Amino acid sequence: MDKPRIPVTWSDWVSGDWLGAANPMNPLGRVAPVVAGSIDTFARVVGATLGAAAERGGPAAPQFLIEQILSTARTRLVGRDLTLKSGESQLRLVLDDLRFAASPLGLALGQFGTITADTNNVRWDGGRLNTLTVKFKNVHLRPGTQPAVIIAPIKFIATIRQDVLDELIADAADKVSVELLSDGSALARKPGRESWGNANVTPRIEGSNVRLIATGLTVGSRSFSTQRAGIPSALIKVPPLPGGMHMTNISLGDACVSIEAVIHEWREPISAQQLIMLAELVRTDNPNLDFSRVDSRKTP
């Protein structure tokens, strides 16, 4: 049996023939029996591919370029206040951590598993979040004449504390104020009438917006059910979310609101030129990262 052809260079990857002949008993072609015989040996072969790529004089296969980009970003960008630009859009954040752990075998097959980015002080024109964790799950490469990065799904977990909440409901500041408590509850009051009492409220997703539902009313030392009190709910309109994102859950925590959202699938064609440009972008010490030039829709 011929030795397996590891996808070392870009041409190896896009050709799609590196797996060798495949059949129902051997769906991975030539790679499967090698892995079955010795995963350790195969992993060592994969670990040497970057050096082999340099000897061949061609660009490394996309999975190795992506692994280099992630490693460089973790080394150079974690702990920094970054500005991310793409066209007219701009996002500022502090990158707290970047986690990924692709195995040598997974890397050779273009499988990165889950990549997690933890950020704080996330700001954009018109809003901000106290913290944001993004989990890129099942990150993998689709080989072929036009390789693509596929992520399915992307999960977002945002935290909103009192300062950000006050900004979000500023338009209704004359009608209601909401205080987040450490026991995982929230109190709503009428500004200027705080001595009248307060209402316990809980958030609920309603379509693409959030509604505050009163769950109880306290006046002095007396408590009433919301049914008897007849307290109306309050709708907070949420701006349209990008990229097909939609909210899946909202809950109260320790003096905070936690919001979860998801993009079920994201895919983007890539080229060797784009990955090389992206690698150079994260390699610099400039905290202003403009991704417009590596946008596949603008790259010939």
C-alpha atoms as a PDB file:
ATOM      1  CA  MET A   1       0.000   0.000   0.000  1.00  0.00           C
ATOM      2  CA  ASP A   2       1.265   3.495  -0.858  1.00  0.00           C
ATOM      3  CA  LYS A   3       2.133   5.803   1.993  1.00  0.00           C
ATOM      4  CA  PRO A   4      -0.553   8.359   2.848  1.00  0.00           C
ATOM      5  CA  ARG A   5      -0.166  11.736   1.240  1.00  0.00           C
ATOM      6  CA  ILE A   6      -0.415  14.311   4.012  1.00  0.00           C
ATOM      7  CA  PRO A   7      -1.953  17.643   2.804  1.00  0.00           C
ATOM      8  CA  VAL A   8       1.189  19.733   3.267  1.00  0.00           C
ATOM      9  CA  THR A   9       0.746  22.512   0.726  1.00  0.00           C
ATOM     10  CA  TRP A  10      -2.212  24.471  -0.527  1.00  0.00           C
ATOM     11  CA  SER A  11      -2.258  22.497  -3.784  1.00  0.00           C
ATOM     12  CA  ASP A  12      -2.344  19.237  -1.790  1.00  0.00           C
ATOM     13  CA  TRP A  13      -5.364  20.452   0.154  1.00  0.00           C
ATOM     14  CA  VAL A  14      -7.451  21.796  -2.705  1.00  0.00           C
ATOM     15  CA  SER A  15      -6.782  18.803  -4.934  1.00  0.00           C
ATOM     16  CA  GLY A  16      -8.874  16.619  -2.642  1.00  0.00           C
ATOM     17  CA  ASP A  17      -6.929  13.478  -3.691  1.00  0.00           C
ATOM     18  CA  TRP A  18      -4.619  13.271  -0.664  1.00  0.00           C
ATOM     19  CA  LEU A  19      -6.964  10.833   1.025  1.00  0.00           C
ATOM     20  CA  GLY A  20      -6.216   8.312  -1.722  1.00  0.00           C
ATOM     21  CA  ALA A  21      -8.619   5.638  -2.904  1.00  0.00           C
ATOM     22  CA  ALA A  22     -11.618   5.186  -0.635  1.00  0.00           C
ATOM     23  CA  ASN A  23     -14.261   2.486  -0.336  1.00  0.00           C
ATOM     24  CA  PRO A  24     -17.053   1.621   2.134  1.00  0.00           C
ATOM     25  CA  MET A  25     -14.605  -0.309   4.310  1.00  0.00           C
ATOM     26  CA  ASN A  26     -12.017   2.416   4.173  1.00  0.00           C
ATOM     27  CA  PRO A  27     -13.835   5.801   3.919  1.00  0.00           C
ATOM     28  CA  LEU A  28     -10.704   7.792   4.668  1.00  0.00           C
ATOM     29  CA  GLY A  29      -8.734   6.111   1.915  1.00  0.00           C
ATOM     30  CA  ARG A  30      -5.031   5.744   2.627  1.00  0.00           C
ATOM     31  CA  VAL A  31      -5.075   7.717   5.848  1.00  0.00           C
ATOM     32  CA  ALA A  32      -7.432   5.447   7.788  1.00  0.00           C
ATOM     33  CA  PRO A  33      -5.197   2.340   7.980  1.00  0.00           C
ATOM     34  CA  VAL A  34      -2.216   4.453   8.980  1.00  0.00           C
ATOM     35  CA  VAL A  35      -4.189   6.063  11.787  1.00  0.00           C
ATOM     36  CA  ALA A  36      -5.501   2.705  12.894  1.00  0.00           C
ATOM     37  CA  GLY A  37      -1.993   1.262  12.857  1.00  0.00           C
ATOM     38  CA  SER A  38      -0.259   4.078  14.720  1.00  0.00           C
ATOM     39  CA  ILE A  39      -1.873   7.376  15.670  1.00  0.00           C
ATOM     40  CA  ASP A  40       1.349   8.454  17.365  1.00  0.00           C
ATOM     41  CA  THR A  41       3.358   7.953  14.203  1.00  0.00           C
ATOM     42  CA  PHE A  42       0.789   9.770  12.154  1.00  0.00           C
ATOM     43  CA  ALA A  43       0.786  12.682  14.623  1.00  0.00           C
ATOM     44  CA  ARG A  44       4.570  12.972  14.348  1.00  0.00           C
ATOM     45  CA  VAL A  45       4.257  13.078  10.577  1.00  0.00           C
ATOM     46  CA  VAL A  46       1.688  15.855  10.876  1.00  0.00           C
ATOM     47  CA  GLY A  47       3.909  17.774  13.288  1.00  0.00           C
ATOM     48  CA  ALA A  48       6.657  17.879  10.670  1.00  0.00           C
ATOM     49  CA  THR A  49       4.494  19.140   7.829  1.00  0.00           C
ATOM     50  CA  LEU A  50       5.219  22.825   8.271  1.00  0.00           C
ATOM     51  CA  GLY A  51       8.910  22.187   7.787  1.00  0.00           C
ATOM     52  CA  ALA A  52       8.145  20.024   4.783  1.00  0.00           C
ATOM     53  CA  ALA A  53       6.026  22.814   3.330  1.00  0.00           C
ATOM     54  CA  ALA A  54       8.938  25.210   3.477  1.00  0.00           C
ATOM     55  CA  GLU A  55      11.169  22.686   1.685  1.00  0.00           C
ATOM     56  CA  ARG A  56       8.603  22.281  -1.094  1.00  0.00           C
ATOM     57  CA  GLY A  57       8.600  26.029  -1.637  1.00  0.00           C
ATOM     58  CA  GLY A  58       4.807  26.378  -1.714  1.00  0.00           C
ATOM     59  CA  PRO A  59       2.343  27.903   0.720  1.00  0.00           C
ATOM     60  CA  ALA A  60       1.335  25.684   3.634  1.00  0.00           C
ATOM     61  CA  ALA A  61      -2.068  24.024   3.527  1.00  0.00           C
ATOM     62  CA  PRO A  62      -4.818  26.279   4.891  1.00  0.00           C
ATOM     63  CA  GLN A  63      -5.305  24.384   8.153  1.00  0.00           C
ATOM     64  CA  PHE A  64      -1.684  25.049   9.144  1.00  0.00           C
ATOM     65  CA  LEU A  65      -1.927  28.709   8.184  1.00  0.00           C
ATOM     66  CA  ILE A  66      -5.048  29.031  10.334  1.00  0.00           C
ATOM     67  CA  GLU A  67      -3.301  27.294  13.254  1.00  0.00           C
ATOM     68  CA  GLN A  68      -0.423  29.775  12.911  1.00  0.00           C
ATOM     69  CA  ILE A  69      -2.868  32.704  12.882  1.00  0.00           C
ATOM     70  CA  LEU A  70      -4.593  31.468  16.047  1.00  0.00           C
ATOM     71  CA  SER A  71      -1.294  30.867  17.858  1.00  0.00           C
ATOM     72  CA  THR A  72       0.008  34.303  16.876  1.00  0.00           C
ATOM     73  CA  ALA A  73      -3.230  35.975  17.967  1.00  0.00           C
ATOM     74  CA  ARG A  74      -3.097  34.240  21.340  1.00  0.00           C
ATOM     75  CA  THR A  75       0.506  35.376  21.834  1.00  0.00           C
ATOM     76  CA  ARG A  76       0.217  38.959  20.592  1.00  0.00           C
ATOM     77  CA  LEU A  77      -3.384  40.038  21.099  1.00  0.00           C
ATOM     78  CA  VAL A  78      -4.561  38.588  24.429  1.00  0.00           C
ATOM     79  CA  GLY A  79      -4.763  41.270  27.106  1.00  0.00           C
ATOM     80  CA  ARG A  80      -4.884  44.140  24.626  1.00  0.00           C
ATOM     81  CA  ASP A  81      -7.538  46.730  23.854  1.00  0.00           C
ATOM     82  CA  LEU A  82      -8.262  46.068  20.179  1.00  0.00           C
ATOM     83  CA  THR A  83     -10.143  47.857  17.436  1.00  0.00           C
ATOM     84  CA  LEU A  84     -11.602  45.531  14.815  1.00  0.00           C
ATOM     85  CA  LYS A  85     -12.668  47.123  11.547  1.00  0.00           C
ATOM     86  CA  SER A  86     -14.446  45.745   8.492  1.00  0.00           C
ATOM     87  CA  GLY A  87     -15.634  48.288   5.975  1.00  0.00           C
ATOM     88  CA  GLU A  88     -17.666  50.913   7.816  1.00  0.00           C
ATOM     89  CA  SER A  89     -18.167  48.710  10.876  1.00  0.00           C
ATOM     90  CA  GLN A  90     -15.954  49.041  13.933  1.00  0.00           C
ATOM     91  CA  LEU A  91     -15.819  47.092  17.185  1.00  0.00           C
ATOM     92  CA  ARG A  92     -13.594  47.737  20.188  1.00  0.00           C
ATOM     93  CA  LEU A  93     -12.904  45.161  22.877  1.00  0.00           C
ATOM     94  CA  VAL A  94     -10.341  43.758  25.277  1.00  0.00           C
ATOM     95  CA  LEU A  95      -9.378  40.169  24.421  1.00  0.00           C
ATOM     96  CA  ASP A  96      -9.071  38.255  27.712  1.00  0.00           C
ATOM     97  CA  ASP A  97      -8.346  34.804  26.340  1.00  0.00           C
ATOM     98  CA  LEU A  98      -8.300  32.761  23.145  1.00  0.00           C
ATOM     99  CA  ARG A  99      -8.609  29.009  23.579  1.00  0.00           C
ATOM    100  CA  PHE A 100      -8.290  26.211  21.043  1.00  0.00           C
ATOM    101  CA  ALA A 101      -6.853  22.718  21.165  1.00  0.00           C
ATOM    102  CA  ALA A 102      -6.827  20.993  17.794  1.00  0.00           C
ATOM    103  CA  SER A 103      -5.107  17.608  17.914  1.00  0.00           C
ATOM    104  CA  PRO A 104      -2.393  16.818  15.332  1.00  0.00           C
ATOM    105  CA  LEU A 105      -4.750  14.380  13.646  1.00  0.00           C
ATOM    106  CA  GLY A 106      -7.638  16.836  13.664  1.00  0.00           C
ATOM    107  CA  LEU A 107      -5.365  19.553  12.313  1.00  0.00           C
ATOM    108  CA  ALA A 108      -4.254  17.367   9.429  1.00  0.00           C
ATOM    109  CA  LEU A 109      -7.896  16.730   8.545  1.00  0.00           C
ATOM    110  CA  GLY A 110      -8.817  20.423   8.858  1.00  0.00           C
ATOM    111  CA  GLN A 111     -10.807  19.913  12.078  1.00  0.00           C
ATOM    112  CA  PHE A 112     -10.244  22.567  14.769  1.00  0.00           C
ATOM    113  CA  GLY A 113     -13.001  21.636  17.218  1.00  0.00           C
ATOM    114  CA  THR A 114     -14.122  24.571  19.387  1.00  0.00           C
ATOM    115  CA  ILE A 115     -12.371  27.940  19.431  1.00  0.00           C
ATOM    116  CA  THR A 116     -13.380  30.216  22.326  1.00  0.00           C
ATOM    117  CA  ALA A 117     -12.761  33.943  22.654  1.00  0.00           C
ATOM    118  CA  ASP A 118     -13.382  35.704  26.000  1.00  0.00           C
ATOM    119  CA  THR A 119     -13.666  39.489  25.820  1.00  0.00           C
ATOM    120  CA  ASN A 120     -14.713  42.431  27.979  1.00  0.00           C
ATOM    121  CA  ASN A 121     -15.577  46.109  27.557  1.00  0.00           C
ATOM    122  CA  VAL A 122     -17.057  45.456  24.117  1.00  0.00           C
ATOM    123  CA  ARG A 123     -18.000  48.733  22.395  1.00  0.00           C
ATOM    124  CA  TRP A 124     -19.536  49.727  19.092  1.00  0.00           C
ATOM    125  CA  ASP A 125     -21.340  52.744  17.729  1.00  0.00           C
ATOM    126  CA  GLY A 126     -24.576  52.774  19.696  1.00  0.00           C
ATOM    127  CA  GLY A 127     -23.927  50.235  22.425  1.00  0.00           C
ATOM    128  CA  ARG A 128     -21.618  48.146  24.557  1.00  0.00           C
ATOM    129  CA  LEU A 129     -21.430  44.956  26.623  1.00  0.00           C
ATOM    130  CA  ASN A 130     -19.579  44.291  29.848  1.00  0.00           C
ATOM    131  CA  THR A 131     -18.358  40.875  28.703  1.00  0.00           C
ATOM    132  CA  LEU A 132     -18.817  38.696  25.645  1.00  0.00           C
ATOM    133  CA  THR A 133     -17.783  35.084  25.156  1.00  0.00           C
ATOM    134  CA  VAL A 134     -17.924  33.674  21.643  1.00  0.00           C
ATOM    135  CA  LYS A 135     -17.719  29.927  21.067  1.00  0.00           C
ATOM    136  CA  PHE A 136     -16.935  28.905  17.505  1.00  0.00           C
ATOM    137  CA  LYS A 137     -18.004  25.269  17.514  1.00  0.00           C
ATOM    138  CA  ASN A 138     -17.169  22.501  15.051  1.00  0.00           C
ATOM    139  CA  VAL A 139     -14.736  24.705  13.149  1.00  0.00           C
ATOM    140  CA  HIS A 140     -13.566  22.869  10.051  1.00  0.00           C
ATOM    141  CA  LEU A 141     -12.283  23.341   6.540  1.00  0.00           C
ATOM    142  CA  ARG A 142     -14.055  22.137   3.441  1.00  0.00           C
ATOM    143  CA  PRO A 143     -11.343  21.270   0.890  1.00  0.00           C
ATOM    144  CA  GLY A 144     -11.702  21.710  -2.843  1.00  0.00           C
ATOM    145  CA  THR A 145     -10.923  24.140  -5.625  1.00  0.00           C
ATOM    146  CA  GLN A 146     -12.382  26.881  -3.406  1.00  0.00           C
ATOM    147  CA  PRO A 147     -11.763  25.877   0.230  1.00  0.00           C
ATOM    148  CA  ALA A 148     -14.133  27.280   2.843  1.00  0.00           C
ATOM    149  CA  VAL A 149     -14.148  27.712   6.613  1.00  0.00           C
ATOM    150  CA  ILE A 150     -17.353  26.367   8.151  1.00  0.00           C
ATOM    151  CA  ILE A 151     -18.502  26.966  11.738  1.00  0.00           C
ATOM    152  CA  ALA A 152     -21.688  25.404  13.042  1.00  0.00           C
ATOM    153  CA  PRO A 153     -22.847  26.893  15.302  1.00  0.00           C
ATOM    154  CA  ILE A 154     -21.423  30.143  16.719  1.00  0.00           C
ATOM    155  CA  LYS A 155     -22.666  30.754  20.264  1.00  0.00           C
ATOM    156  CA  PHE A 156     -22.575  34.120  22.037  1.00  0.00           C
ATOM    157  CA  ILE A 157     -22.880  34.724  25.784  1.00  0.00           C
ATOM    158  CA  ALA A 158     -23.090  38.404  26.760  1.00  0.00           C
ATOM    159  CA  THR A 159     -23.146  39.925  30.226  1.00  0.00           C
ATOM    160  CA  ILE A 160     -24.842  43.248  30.961  1.00  0.00           C
ATOM    161  CA  ARG A 161     -24.260  44.921  34.315  1.00  0.00           C
ATOM    162  CA  GLN A 162     -25.926  47.932  35.879  1.00  0.00           C
ATOM    163  CA  ASP A 163     -23.951  50.620  34.021  1.00  0.00           C
ATOM    164  CA  VAL A 164     -24.709  49.139  30.607  1.00  0.00           C
ATOM    165  CA  LEU A 165     -28.343  48.402  31.489  1.00  0.00           C
ATOM    166  CA  ASP A 166     -28.853  52.048  32.434  1.00  0.00           C
ATOM    167  CA  GLU A 167     -27.596  53.024  28.977  1.00  0.00           C
ATOM    168  CA  LEU A 168     -29.839  50.501  27.205  1.00  0.00           C
ATOM    169  CA  ILE A 169     -33.035  51.796  28.848  1.00  0.00           C
ATOM    170  CA  ALA A 170     -31.988  55.467  28.821  1.00  0.00           C
ATOM    171  CA  ASP A 171     -34.852  56.323  26.441  1.00  0.00           C
ATOM    172  CA  ALA A 172     -37.307  55.175  29.089  1.00  0.00           C
ATOM    173  CA  ALA A 173     -35.438  56.692  32.040  1.00  0.00           C
ATOM    174  CA  ASP A 174     -38.362  59.012  32.846  1.00  0.00           C
ATOM    175  CA  LYS A 175     -40.732  56.047  33.021  1.00  0.00           C
ATOM    176  CA  VAL A 176     -38.782  53.277  34.743  1.00  0.00           C
ATOM    177  CA  SER A 177     -35.474  52.453  36.415  1.00  0.00           C
ATOM    178  CA  VAL A 178     -34.286  48.889  36.910  1.00  0.00           C
ATOM    179  CA  GLU A 179     -31.884  47.770  39.640  1.00  0.00           C
ATOM    180  CA  LEU A 180     -30.011  44.470  39.314  1.00  0.00           C
ATOM    181  CA  LEU A 181     -29.477  42.663  42.623  1.00  0.00           C
ATOM    182  CA  SER A 182     -26.846  40.148  43.635  1.00  0.00           C
ATOM    183  CA  ASP A 183     -29.471  37.485  44.426  1.00  0.00           C
ATOM    184  CA  GLY A 184     -30.397  37.179  40.766  1.00  0.00           C
ATOM    185  CA  SER A 185     -33.467  39.412  40.888  1.00  0.00           C
ATOM    186  CA  ALA A 186     -34.309  42.844  39.503  1.00  0.00           C
ATOM    187  CA  LEU A 187     -36.455  45.684  40.847  1.00  0.00           C
ATOM    188  CA  ALA A 188     -38.261  48.257  38.732  1.00  0.00           C
ATOM    189  CA  ARG A 189     -39.216  51.666  40.147  1.00  0.00           C
ATOM    190  CA  LYS A 190     -40.894  54.815  38.965  1.00  0.00           C
ATOM    191  CA  PRO A 191     -38.250  57.601  38.823  1.00  0.00           C
ATOM    192  CA  GLY A 192     -39.087  60.261  41.390  1.00  0.00           C
ATOM    193  CA  ARG A 193     -41.572  57.929  43.077  1.00  0.00           C
ATOM    194  CA  GLU A 194     -39.156  55.425  44.574  1.00  0.00           C
ATOM    195  CA  SER A 195     -40.861  55.714  47.987  1.00  0.00           C
ATOM    196  CA  TRP A 196     -44.042  54.322  46.502  1.00  0.00           C
ATOM    197  CA  GLY A 197     -42.481  50.879  46.203  1.00  0.00           C
ATOM    198  CA  ASN A 198     -41.118  48.613  43.498  1.00  0.00           C
ATOM    199  CA  ALA A 199     -41.951  45.747  41.223  1.00  0.00           C
ATOM    200  CA  ASN A 200     -39.990  42.551  40.813  1.00  0.00           C
ATOM    201  CA  VAL A 201     -39.359  42.032  37.108  1.00  0.00           C
ATOM    202  CA  THR A 202     -37.885  39.288  34.956  1.00  0.00           C
ATOM    203  CA  PRO A 203     -36.840  39.496  31.289  1.00  0.00           C
ATOM    204  CA  ARG A 204     -38.342  37.339  28.557  1.00  0.00           C
ATOM    205  CA  ILE A 205     -37.494  37.022  24.875  1.00  0.00           C
ATOM    206  CA  GLU A 206     -40.387  38.027  22.689  1.00  0.00           C
ATOM    207  CA  GLY A 207     -39.592  37.652  18.998  1.00  0.00           C
ATOM    208  CA  SER A 208     -36.480  39.723  18.406  1.00  0.00           C
ATOM    209  CA  ASN A 209     -37.076  41.964  21.421  1.00  0.00           C
ATOM    210  CA  VAL A 210     -37.035  41.681  25.227  1.00  0.00           C
ATOM    211  CA  ARG A 211     -40.042  42.186  27.465  1.00  0.00           C
ATOM    212  CA  LEU A 212     -39.833  42.967  31.193  1.00  0.00           C
ATOM    213  CA  ILE A 213     -42.548  41.044  33.018  1.00  0.00           C
ATOM    214  CA  ALA A 214     -43.619  42.083  36.527  1.00  0.00           C
ATOM    215  CA  THR A 215     -43.710  39.105  38.874  1.00  0.00           C
ATOM    216  CA  GLY A 216     -44.630  40.947  42.083  1.00  0.00           C
ATOM    217  CA  LEU A 217     -45.311  44.365  43.602  1.00  0.00           C
ATOM    218  CA  THR A 218     -44.164  45.768  46.941  1.00  0.00           C
ATOM    219  CA  VAL A 219     -45.656  48.902  48.500  1.00  0.00           C
ATOM    220  CA  GLY A 220     -44.158  49.683  51.881  1.00  0.00           C
ATOM    221  CA  SER A 221     -44.304  46.421  53.789  1.00  0.00           C
ATOM    222  CA  ARG A 222     -47.104  44.940  51.717  1.00  0.00           C
ATOM    223  CA  SER A 223     -46.715  42.646  48.727  1.00  0.00           C
ATOM    224  CA  PHE A 224     -49.240  42.044  45.967  1.00  0.00           C
ATOM    225  CA  SER A 225     -49.536  39.614  43.102  1.00  0.00           C
ATOM    226  CA  THR A 226     -49.168  41.090  39.650  1.00  0.00           C
ATOM    227  CA  GLN A 227     -52.615  39.829  38.674  1.00  0.00           C
ATOM    228  CA  ARG A 228     -54.302  41.976  41.284  1.00  0.00           C
ATOM    229  CA  ALA A 229     -51.974  44.916  40.755  1.00  0.00           C
ATOM    230  CA  GLY A 230     -52.525  45.023  36.991  1.00  0.00           C
ATOM    231  CA  ILE A 231     -48.949  46.100  36.246  1.00  0.00           C
ATOM    232  CA  PRO A 232     -48.274  46.355  32.501  1.00  0.00           C
ATOM    233  CA  SER A 233     -45.135  44.797  31.014  1.00  0.00           C
ATOM    234  CA  ALA A 234     -42.474  46.879  29.260  1.00  0.00           C
ATOM    235  CA  LEU A 235     -41.042  46.063  25.827  1.00  0.00           C
ATOM    236  CA  ILE A 236     -37.368  46.820  25.139  1.00  0.00           C
ATOM    237  CA  LYS A 237     -36.675  46.936  21.420  1.00  0.00           C
ATOM    238  CA  VAL A 238     -33.432  45.277  20.355  1.00  0.00           C
ATOM    239  CA  PRO A 239     -31.648  46.528  17.214  1.00  0.00           C
ATOM    240  CA  PRO A 240     -31.383  44.008  14.340  1.00  0.00           C
ATOM    241  CA  LEU A 241     -28.608  41.494  15.027  1.00  0.00           C
ATOM    242  CA  PRO A 242     -25.950  40.820  12.358  1.00  0.00           C
ATOM    243  CA  GLY A 243     -25.226  37.668  10.404  1.00  0.00           C
ATOM    244  CA  GLY A 244     -28.523  35.882  11.011  1.00  0.00           C
ATOM    245  CA  MET A 245     -27.937  35.934  14.779  1.00  0.00           C
ATOM    246  CA  HIS A 246     -30.909  35.542  17.084  1.00  0.00           C
ATOM    247  CA  MET A 247     -31.336  35.449  20.852  1.00  0.00           C
ATOM    248  CA  THR A 248     -32.000  32.084  22.463  1.00  0.00           C
ATOM    249  CA  ASN A 249     -32.070  32.839  26.192  1.00  0.00           C
ATOM    250  CA  ILE A 250     -32.059  35.699  28.678  1.00  0.00           C
ATOM    251  CA  SER A 251     -31.739  35.371  32.435  1.00  0.00           C
ATOM    252  CA  LEU A 252     -30.810  37.266  35.591  1.00  0.00           C
ATOM    253  CA  GLY A 253     -27.597  36.498  37.465  1.00  0.00           C
ATOM    254  CA  ASP A 254     -25.400  38.061  40.147  1.00  0.00           C
ATOM    255  CA  ALA A 255     -26.231  41.750  39.557  1.00  0.00           C
ATOM    256  CA  CYS A 256     -26.266  41.143  35.825  1.00  0.00           C
ATOM    257  CA  VAL A 257     -28.315  40.108  32.834  1.00  0.00           C
ATOM    258  CA  SER A 258     -27.018  37.188  30.781  1.00  0.00           C
ATOM    259  CA  ILE A 259     -28.036  36.978  27.125  1.00  0.00           C
ATOM    260  CA  GLU A 260     -27.334  34.031  24.830  1.00  0.00           C
ATOM    261  CA  ALA A 261     -27.533  34.159  21.044  1.00  0.00           C
ATOM    262  CA  VAL A 262     -26.592  31.900  18.157  1.00  0.00           C
ATOM    263  CA  ILE A 263     -25.720  31.829  14.477  1.00  0.00           C
ATOM    264  CA  HIS A 264     -26.551  28.292  13.385  1.00  0.00           C
ATOM    265  CA  GLU A 265     -24.017  28.117  10.576  1.00  0.00           C
ATOM    266  CA  TRP A 266     -21.409  30.405   9.094  1.00  0.00           C
ATOM    267  CA  ARG A 267     -19.275  29.623   6.066  1.00  0.00           C
ATOM    268  CA  GLU A 268     -16.755  31.717   4.175  1.00  0.00           C
ATOM    269  CA  PRO A 269     -14.596  30.868   1.146  1.00  0.00           C
ATOM    270  CA  ILE A 270     -10.876  31.430   1.703  1.00  0.00           C
ATOM    271  CA  SER A 271      -7.778  31.719  -0.461  1.00  0.00           C
ATOM    272  CA  ALA A 272      -4.062  31.415   0.203  1.00  0.00           C
ATOM    273  CA  GLN A 273      -3.700  35.164  -0.326  1.00  0.00           C
ATOM    274  CA  GLN A 274      -6.353  35.940   2.282  1.00  0.00           C
ATOM    275  CA  LEU A 275      -4.780  33.715   4.933  1.00  0.00           C
ATOM    276  CA  ILE A 276      -1.303  35.110   4.293  1.00  0.00           C
ATOM    277  CA  MET A 277      -2.667  38.656   4.616  1.00  0.00           C
ATOM    278  CA  LEU A 278      -4.515  37.743   7.811  1.00  0.00           C
ATOM    279  CA  ALA A 279      -1.393  36.124   9.277  1.00  0.00           C
ATOM    280  CA  GLU A 280       0.561  39.318   8.586  1.00  0.00           C
ATOM    281  CA  LEU A 281      -2.223  41.425  10.107  1.00  0.00           C
ATOM    282  CA  VAL A 282      -2.213  39.652  13.490  1.00  0.00           C
ATOM    283  CA  ARG A 283       1.596  39.447  13.500  1.00  0.00           C
ATOM    284  CA  THR A 284       1.955  43.229  13.784  1.00  0.00           C
ATOM    285  CA  ASP A 285       1.819  45.042  17.108  1.00  0.00           C
ATOM    286  CA  ASN A 286      -0.833  47.427  15.820  1.00  0.00           C
ATOM    287  CA  PRO A 287      -4.006  47.083  17.952  1.00  0.00           C
ATOM    288  CA  ASN A 288      -6.094  48.442  15.059  1.00  0.00           C
ATOM    289  CA  LEU A 289      -6.991  45.433  12.927  1.00  0.00           C
ATOM    290  CA  ASP A 290      -8.664  46.273   9.620  1.00  0.00           C
ATOM    291  CA  PHE A 291     -10.079  43.096   8.094  1.00  0.00           C
ATOM    292  CA  SER A 292     -11.496  44.810   5.012  1.00  0.00           C
ATOM    293  CA  ARG A 293      -8.531  43.779   2.855  1.00  0.00           C
ATOM    294  CA  VAL A 294      -8.944  40.098   3.711  1.00  0.00           C
ATOM    295  CA  ASP A 295     -12.677  40.048   3.033  1.00  0.00           C
ATOM    296  CA  SER A 296     -13.243  37.278   0.490  1.00  0.00           C
ATOM    297  CA  ARG A 297     -15.833  39.367  -1.300  1.00  0.00           C
ATOM    298  CA  LYS A 298     -13.176  42.004  -2.010  1.00  0.00           C
ATOM    299  CA  THR A 299     -10.249  39.720  -2.807  1.00  0.00           C
ATOM    300  CA  PRO A 300      -9.769  38.778  -6.470  1.00  0.00           C
END
